[in-house]
Amino acid sequence: MLQRLVEVLVTGLVEHPDQVKITAVETPRAVTFEVRVADSDMGKVIGRRGRVARAIRTVVKAAAVKDGRRVMVEFMS
């Protein structure tokens, strides 16, 4: 569910949604989503001073409260 949320948020921002790849790395207490986008889309996902990236992380963390797990979102090109 959380991975789908990250996918919807990120693909709505980029010009090349077919190049968005999300990998979930899970541990018993945490999940890290590694988001890979095209180099040309990286600025759109991060935003000015990281505002868009911070907003995505905030939304995903709020959705993860139900699961009681720690969630991290990392952006890579």
N, C-alpha and C. Protein backbone atom coordinates (compact mmCIF):
# COMPACT_ATOMS: atom_id res chain seq x y z
N MET A 1 0.81 -1.19 0.00
CA MET A 1 0.00 0.00 0.00
C MET A 1 0.86 1.26 0.00
N LEU A 2 1.87 1.30 0.85
CA LEU A 2 2.74 2.47 0.92
C LEU A 2 3.55 2.64 -0.36
N GLN A 3 3.99 1.52 -0.91
CA GLN A 3 4.77 1.60 -2.15
C GLN A 3 3.90 2.17 -3.27
N ARG A 4 2.65 1.79 -3.32
CA ARG A 4 1.74 2.33 -4.33
C ARG A 4 1.53 3.82 -4.13
N LEU A 5 1.44 4.26 -2.88
CA LEU A 5 1.29 5.68 -2.59
C LEU A 5 2.49 6.46 -3.10
N VAL A 6 3.70 5.98 -2.83
CA VAL A 6 4.91 6.63 -3.32
C VAL A 6 4.91 6.68 -4.84
N GLU A 7 4.50 5.58 -5.46
CA GLU A 7 4.47 5.52 -6.92
C GLU A 7 3.51 6.56 -7.50
N VAL A 8 2.33 6.68 -6.93
CA VAL A 8 1.34 7.64 -7.42
C VAL A 8 1.85 9.07 -7.26
N LEU A 9 2.44 9.37 -6.12
CA LEU A 9 2.94 10.72 -5.87
C LEU A 9 4.06 11.09 -6.84
N VAL A 10 4.99 10.18 -7.04
CA VAL A 10 6.16 10.48 -7.87
C VAL A 10 5.81 10.51 -9.36
N THR A 11 5.03 9.54 -9.83
CA THR A 11 4.72 9.51 -11.26
C THR A 11 3.88 10.71 -11.68
N GLY A 12 3.15 11.29 -10.76
CA GLY A 12 2.37 12.48 -11.08
C GLY A 12 3.23 13.72 -11.29
N LEU A 13 4.46 13.68 -10.83
CA LEU A 13 5.34 14.84 -10.91
C LEU A 13 6.28 14.82 -12.11
N VAL A 14 6.62 13.64 -12.59
CA VAL A 14 7.70 13.52 -13.58
C VAL A 14 7.18 13.52 -15.01
N GLU A 15 8.10 13.81 -15.95
CA GLU A 15 7.76 13.78 -17.37
C GLU A 15 7.90 12.38 -17.96
N HIS A 16 8.69 11.55 -17.33
CA HIS A 16 8.93 10.18 -17.81
C HIS A 16 8.48 9.18 -16.74
N PRO A 17 7.16 8.99 -16.58
CA PRO A 17 6.68 8.09 -15.53
C PRO A 17 7.06 6.63 -15.77
N ASP A 18 7.36 6.28 -17.00
CA ASP A 18 7.76 4.90 -17.30
C ASP A 18 9.15 4.57 -16.76
N GLN A 19 9.93 5.59 -16.41
CA GLN A 19 11.28 5.36 -15.89
C GLN A 19 11.34 5.41 -14.36
N VAL A 20 10.21 5.54 -13.71
CA VAL A 20 10.17 5.54 -12.25
C VAL A 20 10.25 4.11 -11.75
N LYS A 21 11.21 3.85 -10.88
CA LYS A 21 11.38 2.53 -10.29
C LYS A 21 11.47 2.69 -8.77
N ILE A 22 10.67 1.93 -8.07
CA ILE A 22 10.63 2.02 -6.61
C ILE A 22 10.97 0.65 -6.04
N THR A 23 11.97 0.63 -5.18
CA THR A 23 12.40 -0.60 -4.54
C THR A 23 12.18 -0.46 -3.04
N ALA A 24 11.56 -1.45 -2.44
CA ALA A 24 11.32 -1.44 -1.00
C ALA A 24 12.35 -2.32 -0.32
N VAL A 25 13.08 -1.75 0.63
CA VAL A 25 14.04 -2.49 1.43
C VAL A 25 13.45 -2.57 2.84
N GLU A 26 13.08 -3.77 3.25
CA GLU A 26 12.36 -3.92 4.52
C GLU A 26 13.23 -4.54 5.60
N THR A 27 13.03 -4.04 6.80
CA THR A 27 13.57 -4.63 8.01
C THR A 27 12.39 -4.83 8.95
N PRO A 28 12.55 -5.52 10.05
CA PRO A 28 11.40 -5.74 10.93
C PRO A 28 10.71 -4.46 11.43
N ARG A 29 11.46 -3.39 11.59
CA ARG A 29 10.88 -2.17 12.15
C ARG A 29 10.75 -1.03 11.15
N ALA A 30 11.35 -1.17 9.97
CA ALA A 30 11.37 -0.03 9.05
C ALA A 30 11.30 -0.49 7.60
N VAL A 31 10.88 0.43 6.76
CA VAL A 31 10.86 0.22 5.31
C VAL A 31 11.51 1.43 4.67
N THR A 32 12.43 1.17 3.75
CA THR A 32 13.05 2.25 2.99
C THR A 32 12.66 2.08 1.53
N PHE A 33 12.07 3.14 0.96
CA PHE A 33 11.71 3.13 -0.44
C PHE A 33 12.78 3.89 -1.20
N GLU A 34 13.45 3.18 -2.11
CA GLU A 34 14.45 3.80 -2.97
C GLU A 34 13.77 4.15 -4.28
N VAL A 35 13.64 5.44 -4.55
CA VAL A 35 12.94 5.91 -5.74
C VAL A 35 13.97 6.35 -6.76
N ARG A 36 13.90 5.73 -7.94
CA ARG A 36 14.81 6.09 -9.03
C ARG A 36 13.99 6.72 -10.14
N VAL A 37 14.46 7.88 -10.60
CA VAL A 37 13.79 8.59 -11.70
C VAL A 37 14.84 8.97 -12.74
N ALA A 38 14.38 9.41 -13.90
CA ALA A 38 15.29 9.86 -14.95
C ALA A 38 16.05 11.09 -14.44
N ASP A 39 17.27 11.26 -14.92
CA ASP A 39 18.09 12.40 -14.49
C ASP A 39 17.39 13.73 -14.73
N SER A 40 16.66 13.84 -15.83
CA SER A 40 15.99 15.10 -16.14
C SER A 40 14.81 15.37 -15.21
N ASP A 41 14.30 14.36 -14.54
CA ASP A 41 13.16 14.53 -13.63
C ASP A 41 13.57 14.72 -12.17
N MET A 42 14.83 14.57 -11.87
CA MET A 42 15.27 14.63 -10.48
C MET A 42 14.94 15.97 -9.83
N GLY A 43 15.11 17.06 -10.53
CA GLY A 43 14.81 18.37 -9.98
C GLY A 43 13.34 18.54 -9.64
N LYS A 44 12.47 17.94 -10.44
CA LYS A 44 11.03 18.04 -10.18
C LYS A 44 10.64 17.26 -8.94
N VAL A 45 11.30 16.14 -8.70
CA VAL A 45 10.98 15.32 -7.55
C VAL A 45 11.53 15.94 -6.27
N ILE A 46 12.67 16.57 -6.35
CA ILE A 46 13.27 17.17 -5.16
C ILE A 46 12.67 18.54 -4.88
N GLY A 47 12.48 19.35 -5.91
CA GLY A 47 11.89 20.67 -5.72
C GLY A 47 12.90 21.67 -5.19
N ARG A 48 12.46 22.91 -5.08
CA ARG A 48 13.35 23.95 -4.55
C ARG A 48 13.62 23.71 -3.08
N ARG A 49 14.91 23.67 -2.78
CA ARG A 49 15.36 23.44 -1.41
C ARG A 49 14.78 22.17 -0.79
N GLY A 50 14.40 21.21 -1.64
CA GLY A 50 13.91 19.93 -1.16
C GLY A 50 12.48 19.93 -0.66
N ARG A 51 11.72 20.93 -1.01
CA ARG A 51 10.35 21.04 -0.49
C ARG A 51 9.44 19.92 -0.99
N VAL A 52 9.54 19.57 -2.25
CA VAL A 52 8.68 18.51 -2.80
C VAL A 52 9.06 17.17 -2.17
N ALA A 53 10.34 16.90 -2.09
CA ALA A 53 10.80 15.64 -1.48
C ALA A 53 10.35 15.57 -0.03
N ARG A 54 10.46 16.65 0.69
CA ARG A 54 10.03 16.69 2.09
C ARG A 54 8.53 16.44 2.21
N ALA A 55 7.75 17.02 1.29
CA ALA A 55 6.30 16.83 1.32
C ALA A 55 5.94 15.37 1.03
N ILE A 56 6.63 14.74 0.08
CA ILE A 56 6.38 13.33 -0.22
C ILE A 56 6.69 12.48 1.01
N ARG A 57 7.80 12.74 1.65
CA ARG A 57 8.18 11.99 2.85
C ARG A 57 7.14 12.16 3.96
N THR A 58 6.64 13.39 4.13
CA THR A 58 5.66 13.66 5.17
C THR A 58 4.37 12.88 4.92
N VAL A 59 3.88 12.88 3.69
CA VAL A 59 2.65 12.16 3.36
C VAL A 59 2.82 10.66 3.59
N VAL A 60 3.94 10.10 3.17
CA VAL A 60 4.17 8.67 3.32
C VAL A 60 4.31 8.30 4.79
N LYS A 61 4.99 9.12 5.56
CA LYS A 61 5.13 8.84 6.99
C LYS A 61 3.78 8.91 7.70
N ALA A 62 2.94 9.85 7.30
CA ALA A 62 1.61 9.95 7.90
C ALA A 62 0.78 8.71 7.57
N ALA A 63 0.90 8.20 6.36
CA ALA A 63 0.16 7.00 5.97
C ALA A 63 0.70 5.76 6.68
N ALA A 64 1.95 5.78 7.08
CA ALA A 64 2.58 4.62 7.71
C ALA A 64 2.26 4.51 9.19
N VAL A 65 1.65 5.51 9.75
CA VAL A 65 1.33 5.48 11.19
C VAL A 65 0.47 4.27 11.52
N LYS A 66 -0.44 3.91 10.63
CA LYS A 66 -1.30 2.74 10.86
C LYS A 66 -0.49 1.47 11.05
N ASP A 67 0.55 1.32 10.26
CA ASP A 67 1.36 0.10 10.30
C ASP A 67 2.30 0.06 11.50
N GLY A 68 2.56 1.20 12.10
CA GLY A 68 3.47 1.25 13.23
C GLY A 68 4.91 1.00 12.85
N ARG A 69 5.26 1.26 11.60
CA ARG A 69 6.63 1.06 11.14
C ARG A 69 7.23 2.39 10.73
N ARG A 70 8.53 2.44 10.80
CA ARG A 70 9.25 3.63 10.35
C ARG A 70 9.43 3.56 8.84
N VAL A 71 9.20 4.67 8.17
CA VAL A 71 9.30 4.70 6.71
C VAL A 71 10.24 5.79 6.28
N MET A 72 11.13 5.46 5.35
CA MET A 72 12.04 6.43 4.78
C MET A 72 11.92 6.39 3.27
N VAL A 73 12.06 7.54 2.64
CA VAL A 73 12.01 7.63 1.18
C VAL A 73 13.30 8.29 0.73
N GLU A 74 14.04 7.59 -0.12
CA GLU A 74 15.30 8.11 -0.66
C GLU A 74 15.16 8.26 -2.17
N PHE A 75 15.64 9.38 -2.70
CA PHE A 75 15.55 9.65 -4.13
C PHE A 75 16.91 9.49 -4.77
N MET A 76 16.93 8.73 -5.88
CA MET A 76 18.18 8.46 -6.59
C MET A 76 17.95 8.64 -8.07
N SER A 77 19.01 8.94 -8.78
CA SER A 77 18.86 9.06 -10.24
C SER A 77 19.54 7.92 -10.94
